[in-house]
Amino acid sequence: MNSLWFFDDVNLFKVLCPHKFKAYKNNHSFDAYKKKDYIYFEEDSANKVYLIEKGKVKIGYYNEDGEEVVKAILTRGELFGEKAILGQLTRKEFAQSVDNLTSICPIGVDTMHDLMRDNQTFSFKIYKFIGFKFQKLERRLQLLLFKDTKSRLKEFLNELCDEYGYNCPKTGDHVIKHPYTQKDIASLIGTSRPTLNILLNELKEEKVLDFNRKEIRIYKKSA
């Protein structure tokens, strides 16, 4: 499994958006959301799935103490609300835009079932995605339960390397150009933003990495 929090190797938007299917193109539109707008709330009817055309979406829920728990932060080409395909009637989580220019492709469950029934390759990609997502959430829970925060950060950085990284031809360093803020990363590894900043600066002082707002460089000697 190459990625823990993200469905890698396949941009689902390229193959799943109804715009790609002639029979559905004319009756299909995109929905725009600003930062902090909700796409759906917990207990809403689960009658659609959603594909991100651009922007970022946070998936989470509130625990018994009213604290927000972030399950995932998704970007372009990723699908969410997919449990509706499996028969879920109401949402067990919320979905919220975290960008000012988020664009979402909503797909009715009936449409998805039609596409899956008529296209074996399409159906396979959907079930593959759902299987990967369940595996990643299970792995994430194991990390949150049994790893300390610094270990979780290091493993997350390894995942970012797989997802967004490349080797610098001049230095051999791993360079990660990613779309996530420090707040995003902190949420995903189950810590606070100040704690994350402390840990990143510790790793910087240890000459493990350097970082700025949009790039993390993991030095070759520590990779």
Protein backbone atom coordinates (compact mmCIF):
# COMPACT_ATOMS: atom_id res chain seq x y z
CA MET A 1 0.00 0.00 0.00
CA ASN A 2 1.75 3.11 -1.28
CA SER A 3 -0.39 5.69 0.46
CA LEU A 4 -2.05 5.93 3.84
CA TRP A 5 -4.40 8.89 3.58
CA PHE A 6 -4.85 9.23 -0.16
CA PHE A 7 -5.95 7.12 -3.11
CA ASP A 8 -2.82 7.22 -5.23
CA ASP A 9 -1.87 6.29 -8.79
CA VAL A 10 -5.38 6.96 -10.18
CA ASN A 11 -6.97 10.37 -10.65
CA LEU A 12 -10.59 9.25 -10.30
CA PHE A 13 -11.85 12.46 -11.88
CA LYS A 14 -10.40 11.34 -15.22
CA VAL A 15 -12.49 8.19 -15.32
CA LEU A 16 -15.53 8.70 -13.08
CA CYS A 17 -16.99 12.13 -13.80
CA PRO A 18 -20.31 11.82 -15.70
CA HIS A 19 -18.99 14.44 -18.12
CA LYS A 20 -16.94 11.57 -19.52
CA PHE A 21 -20.12 9.66 -20.36
CA LYS A 22 -22.22 11.04 -23.22
CA ALA A 23 -25.55 9.87 -21.78
CA TYR A 24 -25.10 11.94 -18.60
CA LYS A 25 -23.15 14.99 -19.80
CA ASN A 26 -26.07 17.29 -20.68
CA ASN A 27 -27.80 16.86 -17.31
CA HIS A 28 -24.70 17.30 -15.19
CA SER A 29 -23.21 20.34 -13.45
CA PHE A 30 -20.58 21.25 -10.89
CA ASP A 31 -21.20 22.75 -7.44
CA ALA A 32 -18.96 25.52 -6.08
CA TYR A 33 -18.05 25.88 -2.40
CA LYS A 34 -16.10 28.44 -0.41
CA LYS A 35 -13.88 27.81 2.60
CA LYS A 36 -15.79 26.30 5.56
CA ASP A 37 -18.88 25.56 3.46
CA TYR A 38 -20.34 22.13 4.19
CA ILE A 39 -21.08 19.72 1.37
CA TYR A 40 -23.06 17.56 3.79
CA PHE A 41 -23.53 17.05 7.52
CA GLU A 42 -23.77 14.00 9.73
CA GLU A 43 -27.24 12.43 9.49
CA ASP A 44 -27.92 13.96 6.04
CA SER A 45 -29.45 11.66 3.45
CA ALA A 46 -26.79 9.67 1.59
CA ASN A 47 -28.10 9.81 -1.97
CA LYS A 48 -25.02 11.07 -3.82
CA VAL A 49 -21.30 10.54 -4.10
CA TYR A 50 -18.92 13.40 -4.83
CA LEU A 51 -15.83 13.86 -6.94
CA ILE A 52 -13.44 16.78 -6.41
CA GLU A 53 -12.81 18.77 -9.58
CA LYS A 54 -10.60 21.29 -7.76
CA GLY A 55 -9.90 22.44 -4.21
CA LYS A 56 -9.77 20.46 -0.96
CA VAL A 57 -12.41 18.77 1.21
CA LYS A 58 -12.17 17.74 4.84
CA ILE A 59 -13.94 14.58 5.99
CA GLY A 60 -14.58 14.15 9.72
CA TYR A 61 -16.98 13.78 12.61
CA TYR A 62 -17.50 15.06 16.15
CA ASN A 63 -16.82 12.78 19.11
CA GLU A 64 -18.86 12.56 22.31
CA ASP A 65 -16.98 15.55 23.77
CA GLY A 66 -17.85 17.68 20.75
CA GLU A 67 -14.29 17.64 19.45
CA GLU A 68 -13.69 17.47 15.73
CA VAL A 69 -11.95 14.33 14.46
CA VAL A 70 -10.51 14.62 10.93
CA LYS A 71 -10.53 11.38 8.97
CA ALA A 72 -9.10 12.67 5.70
CA ILE A 73 -8.32 15.76 3.66
CA LEU A 74 -8.95 15.09 0.00
CA THR A 75 -7.85 16.89 -3.16
CA ARG A 76 -8.54 16.95 -6.90
CA GLY A 77 -9.53 13.64 -8.43
CA GLU A 78 -10.66 12.03 -5.18
CA LEU A 79 -14.06 10.57 -4.36
CA PHE A 80 -16.00 10.85 -1.11
CA GLY A 81 -19.40 9.89 0.23
CA GLU A 82 -18.83 6.52 -1.43
CA LYS A 83 -20.60 4.49 1.30
CA ALA A 84 -23.86 5.55 -0.34
CA ILE A 85 -22.96 3.16 -3.15
CA LEU A 86 -22.92 0.32 -0.62
CA GLY A 87 -26.37 1.15 0.71
CA GLN A 88 -25.68 3.65 3.52
CA LEU A 89 -28.85 5.72 3.97
CA THR A 90 -27.55 8.58 6.17
CA ARG A 91 -24.14 10.19 6.57
CA LYS A 92 -21.95 9.18 9.50
CA GLU A 93 -19.52 12.03 8.90
CA PHE A 94 -19.41 15.57 7.55
CA ALA A 95 -17.71 16.90 4.43
CA GLN A 96 -16.47 20.49 4.45
CA SER A 97 -14.62 22.62 1.91
CA VAL A 98 -11.28 23.93 3.12
CA ASP A 99 -10.57 26.06 0.02
CA ASN A 100 -12.31 29.16 -1.29
CA LEU A 101 -12.55 27.77 -4.83
CA THR A 102 -13.61 24.16 -4.31
CA SER A 103 -15.55 22.62 -7.20
CA ILE A 104 -17.43 19.36 -6.70
CA CYS A 105 -18.95 16.95 -9.19
CA PRO A 106 -22.04 15.40 -7.52
CA ILE A 107 -23.15 12.01 -8.83
CA GLY A 108 -26.47 10.48 -7.86
CA VAL A 109 -26.32 6.96 -6.45
CA ASP A 110 -28.68 5.69 -9.15
CA THR A 111 -26.38 7.14 -11.82
CA MET A 112 -23.37 5.48 -10.21
CA HIS A 113 -25.16 2.14 -10.09
CA ASP A 114 -26.08 2.50 -13.77
CA LEU A 115 -22.49 3.30 -14.73
CA MET A 116 -21.14 0.41 -12.65
CA ARG A 117 -23.64 -2.02 -14.14
CA ASP A 118 -22.86 -0.96 -17.72
CA ASN A 119 -19.08 -0.67 -17.43
CA GLN A 120 -17.04 -3.45 -15.83
CA THR A 121 -13.81 -1.42 -15.78
CA PHE A 122 -15.59 1.48 -14.13
CA SER A 123 -17.11 -0.85 -11.52
CA PHE A 124 -13.72 -2.40 -10.78
CA LYS A 125 -12.12 0.99 -10.18
CA ILE A 126 -14.88 1.97 -7.75
CA TYR A 127 -14.57 -1.21 -5.68
CA LYS A 128 -10.78 -1.00 -5.78
CA PHE A 129 -10.98 2.55 -4.46
CA ILE A 130 -13.34 1.58 -1.64
CA GLY A 131 -11.10 -1.33 -0.64
CA PHE A 132 -7.98 0.86 -0.56
CA LYS A 133 -9.77 3.52 1.44
CA PHE A 134 -10.90 1.06 4.11
CA GLN A 135 -7.37 -0.33 4.38
CA LYS A 136 -5.88 3.13 4.78
CA LEU A 137 -8.35 4.17 7.46
CA GLU A 138 -7.62 0.98 9.37
CA ARG A 139 -3.88 1.61 9.10
CA ARG A 140 -4.33 5.20 10.22
CA LEU A 141 -6.26 4.08 13.30
CA GLN A 142 -3.44 1.68 14.20
CA LEU A 143 -0.90 4.50 13.95
CA LEU A 144 -3.00 6.86 16.08
CA LEU A 145 -3.43 4.20 18.76
CA PHE A 146 0.07 2.75 18.93
CA LYS A 147 2.57 5.34 17.64
CA ASP A 148 3.81 8.50 19.31
CA THR A 149 3.32 11.82 17.51
CA LYS A 150 6.86 12.06 16.13
CA SER A 151 6.65 8.55 14.69
CA ARG A 152 3.28 9.37 13.11
CA LEU A 153 4.79 12.47 11.53
CA LYS A 154 7.73 10.51 10.09
CA GLU A 155 5.44 7.89 8.61
CA PHE A 156 3.20 10.58 7.17
CA LEU A 157 6.22 12.24 5.55
CA ASN A 158 7.14 8.91 3.99
CA GLU A 159 3.63 8.73 2.55
CA LEU A 160 3.93 12.26 1.19
CA CYS A 161 7.18 11.20 -0.50
CA ASP A 162 5.30 8.45 -2.33
CA GLU A 163 2.43 10.77 -3.23
CA TYR A 164 4.11 14.08 -4.10
CA GLY A 165 7.87 13.56 -3.87
CA TYR A 166 10.73 13.31 -6.32
CA ASN A 167 14.50 12.94 -6.02
CA CYS A 168 16.47 16.14 -6.58
CA PRO A 169 18.94 15.32 -9.41
CA LYS A 170 21.60 17.63 -7.93
CA THR A 171 21.53 16.62 -4.27
CA GLY A 172 19.66 13.32 -4.12
CA ASP A 173 17.33 14.82 -1.50
CA HIS A 174 13.66 13.83 -1.45
CA VAL A 175 11.66 16.95 -2.36
CA ILE A 176 7.94 16.96 -1.52
CA LYS A 177 5.76 19.60 -3.20
CA HIS A 178 2.40 19.13 -1.50
CA PRO A 179 -0.95 20.98 -1.28
CA TYR A 180 -1.42 20.78 2.50
CA THR A 181 -1.11 23.40 5.22
CA GLN A 182 0.45 22.70 8.61
CA LYS A 183 -3.06 22.68 10.02
CA ASP A 184 -4.05 19.98 7.50
CA ILE A 185 -1.08 17.81 8.41
CA ALA A 186 -1.62 18.29 12.14
CA SER A 187 -5.24 17.20 11.80
CA LEU A 188 -4.31 14.12 9.81
CA ILE A 189 -1.75 12.85 12.29
CA GLY A 190 -3.89 13.66 15.33
CA THR A 191 -1.97 16.52 16.91
CA SER A 192 -2.09 20.32 17.26
CA ARG A 193 -0.52 22.78 14.88
CA PRO A 194 1.91 24.14 17.55
CA THR A 195 3.06 20.59 18.34
CA LEU A 196 3.57 19.84 14.66
CA ASN A 197 5.63 23.01 14.25
CA ILE A 198 7.82 22.03 17.22
CA LEU A 199 8.42 18.56 15.76
CA LEU A 200 9.22 19.91 12.30
CA ASN A 201 11.72 22.36 13.79
CA GLU A 202 13.29 19.56 15.84
CA LEU A 203 13.77 17.52 12.67
CA LYS A 204 15.18 20.62 10.98
CA GLU A 205 17.69 21.13 13.80
CA GLU A 206 18.63 17.46 13.55
CA LYS A 207 19.41 18.04 9.84
CA VAL A 208 16.76 15.53 8.85
CA LEU A 209 14.75 17.96 6.73
CA ASP A 210 13.98 21.53 5.79
CA PHE A 211 10.56 22.92 5.03
CA ASN A 212 8.55 25.91 3.94
CA ARG A 213 4.89 26.50 3.23
CA LYS A 214 4.61 24.32 0.12
CA GLU A 215 7.73 22.17 0.15
CA ILE A 216 9.47 19.69 2.43
CA ARG A 217 13.01 18.58 1.64
CA ILE A 218 14.20 15.38 3.30
CA TYR A 219 17.97 15.26 3.16
CA LYS A 220 19.59 12.31 1.39
CA LYS A 221 21.65 11.20 4.38
CA SER A 222 18.50 10.78 6.51
CA ALA A 223 16.21 9.37 3.82
